[in-house]
Amino acid sequence: MLNALRLGRRLVTEVPATGPGRRAFVDIRPVTTAADADARRQGWIRSEPDRIFKLEHWDYDAEQISGFDHDIGATLVKATTVTGEAQLAAALEAWNLRPEQFLHPWQTDDPK
């Protein structure tokens, strides 16, 4: 999955929600740059080991998660931005998460 992040792919894991009737997810979103856009226009994907990553922990109303209005009742629990893989690993450890928990978004019920 590290390679997916280096290539700018978003990864997600489901985590315990804040209460009944809720579902929660943490996503890692690599920040894309102008160099990524240039590469994409040229038909390739740029690998970057020192990317900036945004981590967000969202808690959702379970009944809204499968519709277009998944953001109704959604709460941002916490967020951080880190630079590079070492800081990403430290942030995941601080949030009690392991890299192997993360999947591609289409492999989860993440509504984004």
PDB file of N, CA and C in Angstrom:
ATOM      1  N   MET A   1       0.811  -1.192   0.000  1.00  0.00           N
ATOM      2  CA  MET A   1       0.000   0.000   0.000  1.00  0.00           C
ATOM      3  C   MET A   1       0.861   1.265   0.000  1.00  0.00           C
ATOM      4  N   LEU A   2       2.100   1.142   0.490  1.00  0.00           N
ATOM      5  CA  LEU A   2       2.997   2.290   0.488  1.00  0.00           C
ATOM      6  C   LEU A   2       3.211   2.807  -0.931  1.00  0.00           C
ATOM      7  N   ASN A   3       3.311   1.896  -1.870  1.00  0.00           N
ATOM      8  CA  ASN A   3       3.483   2.309  -3.257  1.00  0.00           C
ATOM      9  C   ASN A   3       2.265   3.101  -3.742  1.00  0.00           C
ATOM     10  N   ALA A   4       1.064   2.698  -3.337  1.00  0.00           N
ATOM     11  CA  ALA A   4      -0.152   3.425  -3.714  1.00  0.00           C
ATOM     12  C   ALA A   4      -0.084   4.858  -3.204  1.00  0.00           C
ATOM     13  N   LEU A   5       0.364   5.036  -1.964  1.00  0.00           N
ATOM     14  CA  LEU A   5       0.487   6.383  -1.408  1.00  0.00           C
ATOM     15  C   LEU A   5       1.533   7.196  -2.152  1.00  0.00           C
ATOM     16  N   ARG A   6       2.646   6.568  -2.485  1.00  0.00           N
ATOM     17  CA  ARG A   6       3.694   7.273  -3.234  1.00  0.00           C
ATOM     18  C   ARG A   6       3.192   7.746  -4.591  1.00  0.00           C
ATOM     19  N   LEU A   7       2.251   6.984  -5.148  1.00  0.00           N
ATOM     20  CA  LEU A   7       1.687   7.346  -6.449  1.00  0.00           C
ATOM     21  C   LEU A   7       0.494   8.295  -6.324  1.00  0.00           C
ATOM     22  N   GLY A   8       0.211   8.736  -5.111  1.00  0.00           N
ATOM     23  CA  GLY A   8      -0.846   9.723  -4.911  1.00  0.00           C
ATOM     24  C   GLY A   8      -2.234   9.143  -4.733  1.00  0.00           C
ATOM     25  N   ARG A   9      -2.344   7.872  -4.410  1.00  0.00           N
ATOM     26  CA  ARG A   9      -3.649   7.229  -4.220  1.00  0.00           C
ATOM     27  C   ARG A   9      -4.127   7.383  -2.783  1.00  0.00           C
ATOM     28  N   ARG A  10      -5.402   7.590  -2.617  1.00  0.00           N
ATOM     29  CA  ARG A  10      -6.027   7.705  -1.296  1.00  0.00           C
ATOM     30  C   ARG A  10      -6.291   6.317  -0.737  1.00  0.00           C
ATOM     31  N   LEU A  11      -6.047   6.132   0.575  1.00  0.00           N
ATOM     32  CA  LEU A  11      -6.314   4.867   1.250  1.00  0.00           C
ATOM     33  C   LEU A  11      -7.231   5.116   2.450  1.00  0.00           C
ATOM     34  N   VAL A  12      -7.991   4.081   2.831  1.00  0.00           N
ATOM     35  CA  VAL A  12      -9.021   4.228   3.859  1.00  0.00           C
ATOM     36  C   VAL A  12      -9.050   3.005   4.768  1.00  0.00           C
ATOM     37  N   THR A  13      -9.440   3.221   6.022  1.00  0.00           N
ATOM     38  CA  THR A  13      -9.739   2.121   6.928  1.00  0.00           C
ATOM     39  C   THR A  13     -10.938   2.501   7.781  1.00  0.00           C
ATOM     40  N   GLU A  14     -11.739   1.512   8.127  1.00  0.00           N
ATOM     41  CA  GLU A  14     -12.854   1.751   9.037  1.00  0.00           C
ATOM     42  C   GLU A  14     -12.338   1.603  10.463  1.00  0.00           C
ATOM     43  N   VAL A  15     -12.790   2.496  11.332  1.00  0.00           N
ATOM     44  CA  VAL A  15     -12.385   2.502  12.742  1.00  0.00           C
ATOM     45  C   VAL A  15     -13.645   2.521  13.613  1.00  0.00           C
ATOM     46  N   PRO A  16     -13.504   2.259  14.898  1.00  0.00           N
ATOM     47  CA  PRO A  16     -14.689   2.308  15.765  1.00  0.00           C
ATOM     48  C   PRO A  16     -15.348   3.692  15.735  1.00  0.00           C
ATOM     49  N   ALA A  17     -16.659   3.694  15.674  1.00  0.00           N
ATOM     50  CA  ALA A  17     -17.427   4.938  15.639  1.00  0.00           C
ATOM     51  C   ALA A  17     -17.642   5.474  17.045  1.00  0.00           C
ATOM     52  N   THR A  18     -18.170   6.697  17.118  1.00  0.00           N
ATOM     53  CA  THR A  18     -18.374   7.354  18.409  1.00  0.00           C
ATOM     54  C   THR A  18     -19.587   6.833  19.163  1.00  0.00           C
ATOM     55  N   GLY A  19     -20.446   6.075  18.490  1.00  0.00           N
ATOM     56  CA  GLY A  19     -21.616   5.555  19.180  1.00  0.00           C
ATOM     57  C   GLY A  19     -22.471   4.702  18.270  1.00  0.00           C
ATOM     58  N   PRO A  20     -23.593   4.198  18.808  1.00  0.00           N
ATOM     59  CA  PRO A  20     -24.496   3.380  18.005  1.00  0.00           C
ATOM     60  C   PRO A  20     -25.092   4.198  16.853  1.00  0.00           C
ATOM     61  N   GLY A  21     -25.315   3.523  15.739  1.00  0.00           N
ATOM     62  CA  GLY A  21     -25.878   4.199  14.572  1.00  0.00           C
ATOM     63  C   GLY A  21     -24.883   5.054  13.822  1.00  0.00           C
ATOM     64  N   ARG A  22     -23.617   4.895  14.129  1.00  0.00           N
ATOM     65  CA  ARG A  22     -22.548   5.674  13.491  1.00  0.00           C
ATOM     66  C   ARG A  22     -21.538   4.715  12.865  1.00  0.00           C
ATOM     67  N   ARG A  23     -20.824   5.194  11.861  1.00  0.00           N
ATOM     68  CA  ARG A  23     -19.676   4.480  11.285  1.00  0.00           C
ATOM     69  C   ARG A  23     -18.583   5.501  11.074  1.00  0.00           C
ATOM     70  N   ALA A  24     -17.339   5.062  11.215  1.00  0.00           N
ATOM     71  CA  ALA A  24     -16.218   5.992  11.131  1.00  0.00           C
ATOM     72  C   ALA A  24     -15.115   5.435  10.242  1.00  0.00           C
ATOM     73  N   PHE A  25     -14.438   6.350   9.579  1.00  0.00           N
ATOM     74  CA  PHE A  25     -13.356   5.997   8.671  1.00  0.00           C
ATOM     75  C   PHE A  25     -12.206   6.988   8.835  1.00  0.00           C
ATOM     76  N   VAL A  26     -10.995   6.482   8.646  1.00  0.00           N
ATOM     77  CA  VAL A  26      -9.809   7.326   8.571  1.00  0.00           C
ATOM     78  C   VAL A  26      -9.269   7.170   7.158  1.00  0.00           C
ATOM     79  N   ASP A  27      -8.985   8.302   6.536  1.00  0.00           N
ATOM     80  CA  ASP A  27      -8.375   8.221   5.211  1.00  0.00           C
ATOM     81  C   ASP A  27      -7.051   8.960   5.194  1.00  0.00           C
ATOM     82  N   ILE A  28      -6.164   8.444   4.341  1.00  0.00           N
ATOM     83  CA  ILE A  28      -4.878   9.075   4.070  1.00  0.00           C
ATOM     84  C   ILE A  28      -4.980   9.597   2.646  1.00  0.00           C
ATOM     85  N   ARG A  29      -4.822  10.904   2.512  1.00  0.00           N
ATOM     86  CA  ARG A  29      -4.921  11.524   1.206  1.00  0.00           C
ATOM     87  C   ARG A  29      -3.594  12.195   0.851  1.00  0.00           C
ATOM     88  N   PRO A  30      -2.853  11.653  -0.104  1.00  0.00           N
ATOM     89  CA  PRO A  30      -1.632  12.323  -0.545  1.00  0.00           C
ATOM     90  C   PRO A  30      -1.993  13.639  -1.244  1.00  0.00           C
ATOM     91  N   VAL A  31      -1.271  14.685  -0.936  1.00  0.00           N
ATOM     92  CA  VAL A  31      -1.495  15.977  -1.576  1.00  0.00           C
ATOM     93  C   VAL A  31      -0.810  15.943  -2.936  1.00  0.00           C
ATOM     94  N   THR A  32      -1.575  16.247  -3.967  1.00  0.00           N
ATOM     95  CA  THR A  32      -0.991  16.268  -5.312  1.00  0.00           C
ATOM     96  C   THR A  32      -0.423  17.657  -5.593  1.00  0.00           C
ATOM     97  N   THR A  33       0.565  17.676  -6.435  1.00  0.00           N
ATOM     98  CA  THR A  33       1.279  18.918  -6.743  1.00  0.00           C
ATOM     99  C   THR A  33       1.199  19.217  -8.237  1.00  0.00           C
ATOM    100  N   ALA A  34       1.756  20.338  -8.622  1.00  0.00           N
ATOM    101  CA  ALA A  34       1.818  20.697 -10.038  1.00  0.00           C
ATOM    102  C   ALA A  34       2.621  19.660 -10.823  1.00  0.00           C
ATOM    103  N   ALA A  35       3.649  19.103 -10.199  1.00  0.00           N
ATOM    104  CA  ALA A  35       4.448  18.055 -10.863  1.00  0.00           C
ATOM    105  C   ALA A  35       3.597  16.819 -11.137  1.00  0.00           C
ATOM    106  N   ASP A  36       2.672  16.496 -10.225  1.00  0.00           N
ATOM    107  CA  ASP A  36       1.754  15.366 -10.444  1.00  0.00           C
ATOM    108  C   ASP A  36       0.831  15.654 -11.616  1.00  0.00           C
ATOM    109  N   ALA A  37       0.315  16.879 -11.681  1.00  0.00           N
ATOM    110  CA  ALA A  37      -0.574  17.263 -12.781  1.00  0.00           C
ATOM    111  C   ALA A  37       0.163  17.216 -14.120  1.00  0.00           C
ATOM    112  N   ASP A  38       1.406  17.681 -14.140  1.00  0.00           N
ATOM    113  CA  ASP A  38       2.209  17.624 -15.364  1.00  0.00           C
ATOM    114  C   ASP A  38       2.415  16.179 -15.813  1.00  0.00           C
ATOM    115  N   ALA A  39       2.738  15.314 -14.880  1.00  0.00           N
ATOM    116  CA  ALA A  39       2.957  13.901 -15.202  1.00  0.00           C
ATOM    117  C   ALA A  39       1.676  13.290 -15.756  1.00  0.00           C
ATOM    118  N   ARG A  40       0.546  13.584 -15.124  1.00  0.00           N
ATOM    119  CA  ARG A  40      -0.735  13.031 -15.569  1.00  0.00           C
ATOM    120  C   ARG A  40      -1.052  13.479 -17.002  1.00  0.00           C
ATOM    121  N   ARG A  41      -0.782  14.753 -17.303  1.00  0.00           N
ATOM    122  CA  ARG A  41      -1.007  15.262 -18.673  1.00  0.00           C
ATOM    123  C   ARG A  41      -0.118  14.545 -19.687  1.00  0.00           C
ATOM    124  N   GLN A  42       1.057  14.111 -19.239  1.00  0.00           N
ATOM    125  CA  GLN A  42       1.978  13.395 -20.116  1.00  0.00           C
ATOM    126  C   GLN A  42       1.685  11.903 -20.174  1.00  0.00           C
ATOM    127  N   GLY A  43       0.682  11.452 -19.385  1.00  0.00           N
ATOM    128  CA  GLY A  43       0.263  10.060 -19.442  1.00  0.00           C
ATOM    129  C   GLY A  43       0.945   9.118 -18.467  1.00  0.00           C
ATOM    130  N   TRP A  44       1.557   9.643 -17.422  1.00  0.00           N
ATOM    131  CA  TRP A  44       2.181   8.773 -16.443  1.00  0.00           C
ATOM    132  C   TRP A  44       1.871   9.267 -15.040  1.00  0.00           C
ATOM    133  N   ILE A  45       2.191   8.459 -14.036  1.00  0.00           N
ATOM    134  CA  ILE A  45       1.945   8.800 -12.636  1.00  0.00           C
ATOM    135  C   ILE A  45       3.285   8.924 -11.936  1.00  0.00           C
ATOM    136  N   ARG A  46       3.462  10.020 -11.253  1.00  0.00           N
ATOM    137  CA  ARG A  46       4.713  10.347 -10.585  1.00  0.00           C
ATOM    138  C   ARG A  46       4.760   9.748  -9.179  1.00  0.00           C
ATOM    139  N   SER A  47       5.839   9.049  -8.857  1.00  0.00           N
ATOM    140  CA  SER A  47       6.048   8.505  -7.509  1.00  0.00           C
ATOM    141  C   SER A  47       6.814   9.526  -6.684  1.00  0.00           C
ATOM    142  N   GLU A  48       6.391   9.718  -5.442  1.00  0.00           N
ATOM    143  CA  GLU A  48       7.037  10.703  -4.564  1.00  0.00           C
ATOM    144  C   GLU A  48       7.095  10.168  -3.138  1.00  0.00           C
ATOM    145  N   PRO A  49       8.277   9.756  -2.664  1.00  0.00           N
ATOM    146  CA  PRO A  49       8.381   9.214  -1.304  1.00  0.00           C
ATOM    147  C   PRO A  49       8.210  10.275  -0.208  1.00  0.00           C
ATOM    148  N   ASP A  50       8.449  11.542  -0.525  1.00  0.00           N
ATOM    149  CA  ASP A  50       8.348  12.602   0.487  1.00  0.00           C
ATOM    150  C   ASP A  50       7.105  13.470   0.284  1.00  0.00           C
ATOM    151  N   ARG A  51       6.003  12.840  -0.051  1.00  0.00           N
ATOM    152  CA  ARG A  51       4.750  13.563  -0.244  1.00  0.00           C
ATOM    153  C   ARG A  51       4.246  14.155   1.062  1.00  0.00           C
ATOM    154  N   ILE A  52       3.344  15.106   0.912  1.00  0.00           N
ATOM    155  CA  ILE A  52       2.578  15.610   2.045  1.00  0.00           C
ATOM    156  C   ILE A  52       1.304  14.774   2.091  1.00  0.00           C
ATOM    157  N   PHE A  53       0.937  14.316   3.291  1.00  0.00           N
ATOM    158  CA  PHE A  53      -0.246  13.483   3.473  1.00  0.00           C
ATOM    159  C   PHE A  53      -1.207  14.148   4.445  1.00  0.00           C
ATOM    160  N   LYS A  54      -2.493  14.086   4.117  1.00  0.00           N
ATOM    161  CA  LYS A  54      -3.538  14.556   5.018  1.00  0.00           C
ATOM    162  C   LYS A  54      -4.256  13.338   5.574  1.00  0.00           C
ATOM    163  N   LEU A  55      -4.362  13.283   6.886  1.00  0.00           N
ATOM    164  CA  LEU A  55      -5.112  12.213   7.557  1.00  0.00           C
ATOM    165  C   LEU A  55      -6.362  12.843   8.151  1.00  0.00           C
ATOM    166  N   GLU A  56      -7.505  12.201   7.905  1.00  0.00           N
ATOM    167  CA  GLU A  56      -8.762  12.685   8.462  1.00  0.00           C
ATOM    168  C   GLU A  56      -9.558  11.519   9.020  1.00  0.00           C
ATOM    169  N   HIS A  57     -10.113  11.727  10.201  1.00  0.00           N
ATOM    170  CA  HIS A  57     -10.973  10.743  10.863  1.00  0.00           C
ATOM    171  C   HIS A  57     -12.380  11.332  10.866  1.00  0.00           C
ATOM    172  N   TRP A  58     -13.282  10.724  10.074  1.00  0.00           N
ATOM    173  CA  TRP A  58     -14.663  11.174   9.953  1.00  0.00           C
ATOM    174  C   TRP A  58     -15.604  10.163  10.589  1.00  0.00           C
ATOM    175  N   ASP A  59     -16.615  10.678  11.272  1.00  0.00           N
ATOM    176  CA  ASP A  59     -17.655   9.862  11.898  1.00  0.00           C
ATOM    177  C   ASP A  59     -18.978  10.216  11.203  1.00  0.00           C
ATOM    178  N   TYR A  60     -19.696   9.196  10.702  1.00  0.00           N
ATOM    179  CA  TYR A  60     -20.899   9.409   9.892  1.00  0.00           C
ATOM    180  C   TYR A  60     -22.132   8.792  10.526  1.00  0.00           C
ATOM    181  N   ASP A  61     -23.277   9.325  10.168  1.00  0.00           N
ATOM    182  CA  ASP A  61     -24.563   8.704  10.471  1.00  0.00           C
ATOM    183  C   ASP A  61     -24.647   7.469   9.575  1.00  0.00           C
ATOM    184  N   ALA A  62     -24.765   6.294  10.157  1.00  0.00           N
ATOM    185  CA  ALA A  62     -24.746   5.042   9.390  1.00  0.00           C
ATOM    186  C   ALA A  62     -25.863   4.982   8.348  1.00  0.00           C
ATOM    187  N   GLU A  63     -26.997   5.606   8.624  1.00  0.00           N
ATOM    188  CA  GLU A  63     -28.111   5.574   7.674  1.00  0.00           C
ATOM    189  C   GLU A  63     -27.861   6.453   6.451  1.00  0.00           C
ATOM    190  N   GLN A  64     -26.971   7.420   6.564  1.00  0.00           N
ATOM    191  CA  GLN A  64     -26.686   8.341   5.459  1.00  0.00           C
ATOM    192  C   GLN A  64     -25.502   7.903   4.599  1.00  0.00           C
ATOM    193  N   ILE A  65     -24.794   6.894   5.040  1.00  0.00           N
ATOM    194  CA  ILE A  65     -23.503   6.564   4.438  1.00  0.00           C
ATOM    195  C   ILE A  65     -23.583   6.087   2.987  1.00  0.00           C
ATOM    196  N   SER A  66     -24.669   5.458   2.603  1.00  0.00           N
ATOM    197  CA  SER A  66     -24.727   4.904   1.251  1.00  0.00           C
ATOM    198  C   SER A  66     -25.394   5.829   0.247  1.00  0.00           C
ATOM    199  N   GLY A  67     -25.860   6.974   0.670  1.00  0.00           N
ATOM    200  CA  GLY A  67     -26.529   7.889  -0.247  1.00  0.00           C
ATOM    201  C   GLY A  67     -25.647   9.046  -0.666  1.00  0.00           C
ATOM    202  N   PHE A  68     -26.252   9.938  -1.418  1.00  0.00           N
ATOM    203  CA  PHE A  68     -25.523  11.120  -1.875  1.00  0.00           C
ATOM    204  C   PHE A  68     -25.316  12.131  -0.751  1.00  0.00           C
ATOM    205  N   ASP A  69     -26.106  12.018   0.301  1.00  0.00           N
ATOM    206  CA  ASP A  69     -26.043  12.973   1.403  1.00  0.00           C
ATOM    207  C   ASP A  69     -25.246  12.433   2.589  1.00  0.00           C
ATOM    208  N   HIS A  70     -24.157  11.719   2.313  1.00  0.00           N
ATOM    209  CA  HIS A  70     -23.370  11.117   3.384  1.00  0.00           C
ATOM    210  C   HIS A  70     -22.800  12.149   4.351  1.00  0.00           C
ATOM    211  N   ASP A  71     -22.717  13.404   3.926  1.00  0.00           N
ATOM    212  CA  ASP A  71     -22.149  14.430   4.791  1.00  0.00           C
ATOM    213  C   ASP A  71     -23.140  14.970   5.826  1.00  0.00           C
ATOM    214  N   ILE A  72     -24.430  14.631   5.685  1.00  0.00           N
ATOM    215  CA  ILE A  72     -25.411  15.048   6.688  1.00  0.00           C
ATOM    216  C   ILE A  72     -25.119  14.291   7.979  1.00  0.00           C
ATOM    217  N   GLY A  73     -24.875  15.021   9.032  1.00  0.00           N
ATOM    218  CA  GLY A  73     -24.563  14.418  10.320  1.00  0.00           C
ATOM    219  C   GLY A  73     -23.137  13.936  10.463  1.00  0.00           C
ATOM    220  N   ALA A  74     -22.303  14.181   9.455  1.00  0.00           N
ATOM    221  CA  ALA A  74     -20.901  13.762   9.533  1.00  0.00           C
ATOM    222  C   ALA A  74     -20.120  14.714  10.438  1.00  0.00           C
ATOM    223  N   THR A  75     -19.158  14.154  11.147  1.00  0.00           N
ATOM    224  CA  THR A  75     -18.340  14.939  12.057  1.00  0.00           C
ATOM    225  C   THR A  75     -16.871  14.625  11.812  1.00  0.00           C
ATOM    226  N   LEU A  76     -16.070  15.670  11.649  1.00  0.00           N
ATOM    227  CA  LEU A  76     -14.627  15.491  11.564  1.00  0.00           C
ATOM    228  C   LEU A  76     -14.110  15.341  12.986  1.00  0.00           C
ATOM    229  N   VAL A  77     -13.619  14.147  13.313  1.00  0.00           N
ATOM    230  CA  VAL A  77     -13.146  13.860  14.668  1.00  0.00           C
ATOM    231  C   VAL A  77     -11.761  14.456  14.885  1.00  0.00           C
ATOM    232  N   LYS A  78     -10.863  14.211  13.944  1.00  0.00           N
ATOM    233  CA  LYS A  78      -9.526  14.799  14.020  1.00  0.00           C
ATOM    234  C   LYS A  78      -8.888  14.767  12.653  1.00  0.00           C
ATOM    235  N   ALA A  79      -7.883  15.619  12.481  1.00  0.00           N
ATOM    236  CA  ALA A  79      -7.174  15.709  11.208  1.00  0.00           C
ATOM    237  C   ALA A  79      -5.753  16.183  11.478  1.00  0.00           C
ATOM    238  N   THR A  80      -4.854  15.791  10.592  1.00  0.00           N
ATOM    239  CA  THR A  80      -3.479  16.257  10.667  1.00  0.00           C
ATOM    240  C   THR A  80      -2.872  16.198   9.272  1.00  0.00           C
ATOM    241  N   THR A  81      -1.826  16.957   9.093  1.00  0.00           N
ATOM    242  CA  THR A  81      -1.063  16.944   7.850  1.00  0.00           C
ATOM    243  C   THR A  81       0.382  16.657   8.209  1.00  0.00           C
ATOM    244  N   VAL A  82       0.993  15.714   7.475  1.00  0.00           N
ATOM    245  CA  VAL A  82       2.382  15.331   7.739  1.00  0.00           C
ATOM    246  C   VAL A  82       3.158  15.339   6.436  1.00  0.00           C
ATOM    247  N   THR A  83       4.470  15.419   6.552  1.00  0.00           N
ATOM    248  CA  THR A  83       5.335  15.398   5.377  1.00  0.00           C
ATOM    249  C   THR A  83       6.245  14.185   5.450  1.00  0.00           C
ATOM    250  N   GLY A  84       6.183  13.358   4.420  1.00  0.00           N
ATOM    251  CA  GLY A  84       7.073  12.207   4.323  1.00  0.00           C
ATOM    252  C   GLY A  84       6.550  10.966   5.018  1.00  0.00           C
ATOM    253  N   GLU A  85       7.124   9.871   4.651  1.00  0.00           N
ATOM    254  CA  GLU A  85       6.671   8.573   5.139  1.00  0.00           C
ATOM    255  C   GLU A  85       6.973   8.362   6.631  1.00  0.00           C
ATOM    256  N   ALA A  86       8.065   8.901   7.127  1.00  0.00           N
ATOM    257  CA  ALA A  86       8.398   8.735   8.547  1.00  0.00           C
ATOM    258  C   ALA A  86       7.364   9.445   9.420  1.00  0.00           C
ATOM    259  N   GLN A  87       6.991  10.672   9.053  1.00  0.00           N
ATOM    260  CA  GLN A  87       5.976  11.391   9.820  1.00  0.00           C
ATOM    261  C   GLN A  87       4.613  10.717   9.681  1.00  0.00           C
ATOM    262  N   LEU A  88       4.331  10.157   8.519  1.00  0.00           N
ATOM    263  CA  LEU A  88       3.075   9.432   8.326  1.00  0.00           C
ATOM    264  C   LEU A  88       3.021   8.227   9.263  1.00  0.00           C
ATOM    265  N   ALA A  89       4.097   7.473   9.325  1.00  0.00           N
ATOM    266  CA  ALA A  89       4.153   6.305  10.212  1.00  0.00           C
ATOM    267  C   ALA A  89       3.970   6.727  11.668  1.00  0.00           C
ATOM    268  N   ALA A  90       4.585   7.832  12.064  1.00  0.00           N
ATOM    269  CA  ALA A  90       4.455   8.321  13.441  1.00  0.00           C
ATOM    270  C   ALA A  90       3.014   8.757  13.731  1.00  0.00           C
ATOM    271  N   ALA A  91       2.381   9.419  12.775  1.00  0.00           N
ATOM    272  CA  ALA A  91       0.988   9.851  12.966  1.00  0.00           C
ATOM    273  C   ALA A  91       0.061   8.648  13.086  1.00  0.00           C
ATOM    274  N   LEU A  92       0.273   7.641  12.250  1.00  0.00           N
ATOM    275  CA  LEU A  92      -0.559   6.433  12.332  1.00  0.00           C
ATOM    276  C   LEU A  92      -0.391   5.760  13.689  1.00  0.00           C
ATOM    277  N   GLU A  93       0.844   5.692  14.161  1.00  0.00           N
ATOM    278  CA  GLU A  93       1.089   5.088  15.474  1.00  0.00           C
ATOM    279  C   GLU A  93       0.397   5.903  16.573  1.00  0.00           C
ATOM    280  N   ALA A  94       0.458   7.222  16.486  1.00  0.00           N
ATOM    281  CA  ALA A  94      -0.185   8.080  17.489  1.00  0.00           C
ATOM    282  C   ALA A  94      -1.703   7.899  17.484  1.00  0.00           C
ATOM    283  N   TRP A  95      -2.267   7.568  16.331  1.00  0.00           N
ATOM    284  CA  TRP A  95      -3.710   7.342  16.205  1.00  0.00           C
ATOM    285  C   TRP A  95      -4.066   5.870  16.439  1.00  0.00           C
ATOM    286  N   ASN A  96      -3.098   5.073  16.859  1.00  0.00           N
ATOM    287  CA  ASN A  96      -3.290   3.629  17.106  1.00  0.00           C
ATOM    288  C   ASN A  96      -3.768   2.888  15.863  1.00  0.00           C
ATOM    289  N   LEU A  97      -3.174   3.217  14.736  1.00  0.00           N
ATOM    290  CA  LEU A  97      -3.501   2.559  13.467  1.00  0.00           C
ATOM    291  C   LEU A  97      -2.244   1.913  12.908  1.00  0.00           C
ATOM    292  N   ARG A  98      -2.452   0.863  12.112  1.00  0.00           N
ATOM    293  CA  ARG A  98      -1.347   0.170  11.456  1.00  0.00           C
ATOM    294  C   ARG A  98      -1.482   0.333   9.946  1.00  0.00           C
ATOM    295  N   PRO A  99      -0.403   0.489   9.234  1.00  0.00           N
ATOM    296  CA  PRO A  99      -0.473   0.660   7.791  1.00  0.00           C
ATOM    297  C   PRO A  99      -1.238  -0.461   7.075  1.00  0.00           C
ATOM    298  N   GLU A 100      -1.133  -1.693   7.572  1.00  0.00           N
ATOM    299  CA  GLU A 100      -1.784  -2.817   6.896  1.00  0.00           C
ATOM    300  C   GLU A 100      -3.311  -2.787   7.023  1.00  0.00           C
ATOM    301  N   GLN A 101      -3.858  -1.910   7.858  1.00  0.00           N
ATOM    302  CA  GLN A 101      -5.310  -1.773   7.976  1.00  0.00           C
ATOM    303  C   GLN A 101      -5.914  -1.060   6.765  1.00  0.00           C
ATOM    304  N   PHE A 102      -5.120  -0.279   6.069  1.00  0.00           N
ATOM    305  CA  PHE A 102      -5.642   0.595   5.017  1.00  0.00           C
ATOM    306  C   PHE A 102      -5.837  -0.146   3.701  1.00  0.00           C
ATOM    307  N   LEU A 103      -6.926   0.197   3.053  1.00  0.00           N
ATOM    308  CA  LEU A 103      -7.319  -0.406   1.778  1.00  0.00           C
ATOM    309  C   LEU A 103      -7.611   0.694   0.768  1.00  0.00           C
ATOM    310  N   HIS A 104      -7.748   0.290  -0.492  1.00  0.00           N
ATOM    311  CA  HIS A 104      -8.213   1.231  -1.502  1.00  0.00           C
ATOM    312  C   HIS A 104      -9.667   1.569  -1.180  1.00  0.00           C
ATOM    313  N   PRO A 105     -10.111   2.799  -1.458  1.00  0.00           N
ATOM    314  CA  PRO A 105     -11.477   3.208  -1.100  1.00  0.00           C
ATOM    315  C   PRO A 105     -12.564   2.275  -1.624  1.00  0.00           C
ATOM    316  N   TRP A 106     -12.385   1.733  -2.826  1.00  0.00           N
ATOM    317  CA  TRP A 106     -13.412   0.862  -3.402  1.00  0.00           C
ATOM    318  C   TRP A 106     -13.514  -0.481  -2.679  1.00  0.00           C
ATOM    319  N   GLN A 107     -12.563  -0.770  -1.812  1.00  0.00           N
ATOM    320  CA  GLN A 107     -12.602  -2.008  -1.021  1.00  0.00           C
ATOM    321  C   GLN A 107     -13.295  -1.789   0.332  1.00  0.00           C
ATOM    322  N   THR A 108     -13.806  -0.587   0.559  1.00  0.00           N
ATOM    323  CA  THR A 108     -14.427  -0.232   1.833  1.00  0.00           C
ATOM    324  C   THR A 108     -15.813   0.345   1.574  1.00  0.00           C
ATOM    325  N   ASP A 109     -16.519   0.661   2.663  1.00  0.00           N
ATOM    326  CA  ASP A 109     -17.803   1.351   2.575  1.00  0.00           C
ATOM    327  C   ASP A 109     -17.640   2.855   2.747  1.00  0.00           C
ATOM    328  N   ASP A 110     -16.428   3.354   2.711  1.00  0.00           N
ATOM    329  CA  ASP A 110     -16.179   4.783   2.858  1.00  0.00           C
ATOM    330  C   ASP A 110     -17.033   5.553   1.849  1.00  0.00           C
ATOM    331  N   PRO A 111     -17.781   6.554   2.305  1.00  0.00           N
ATOM    332  CA  PRO A 111     -18.702   7.237   1.407  1.00  0.00           C
ATOM    333  C   PRO A 111     -18.077   8.265   0.471  1.00  0.00           C
ATOM    334  N   LYS A 112     -16.834   8.645   0.693  1.00  0.00           N
ATOM    335  CA  LYS A 112     -16.220   9.690  -0.163  1.00  0.00           C
ATOM    336  C   LYS A 112     -15.806   9.147  -1.497  1.00  0.00           C
TER     337      LYS A 112
END
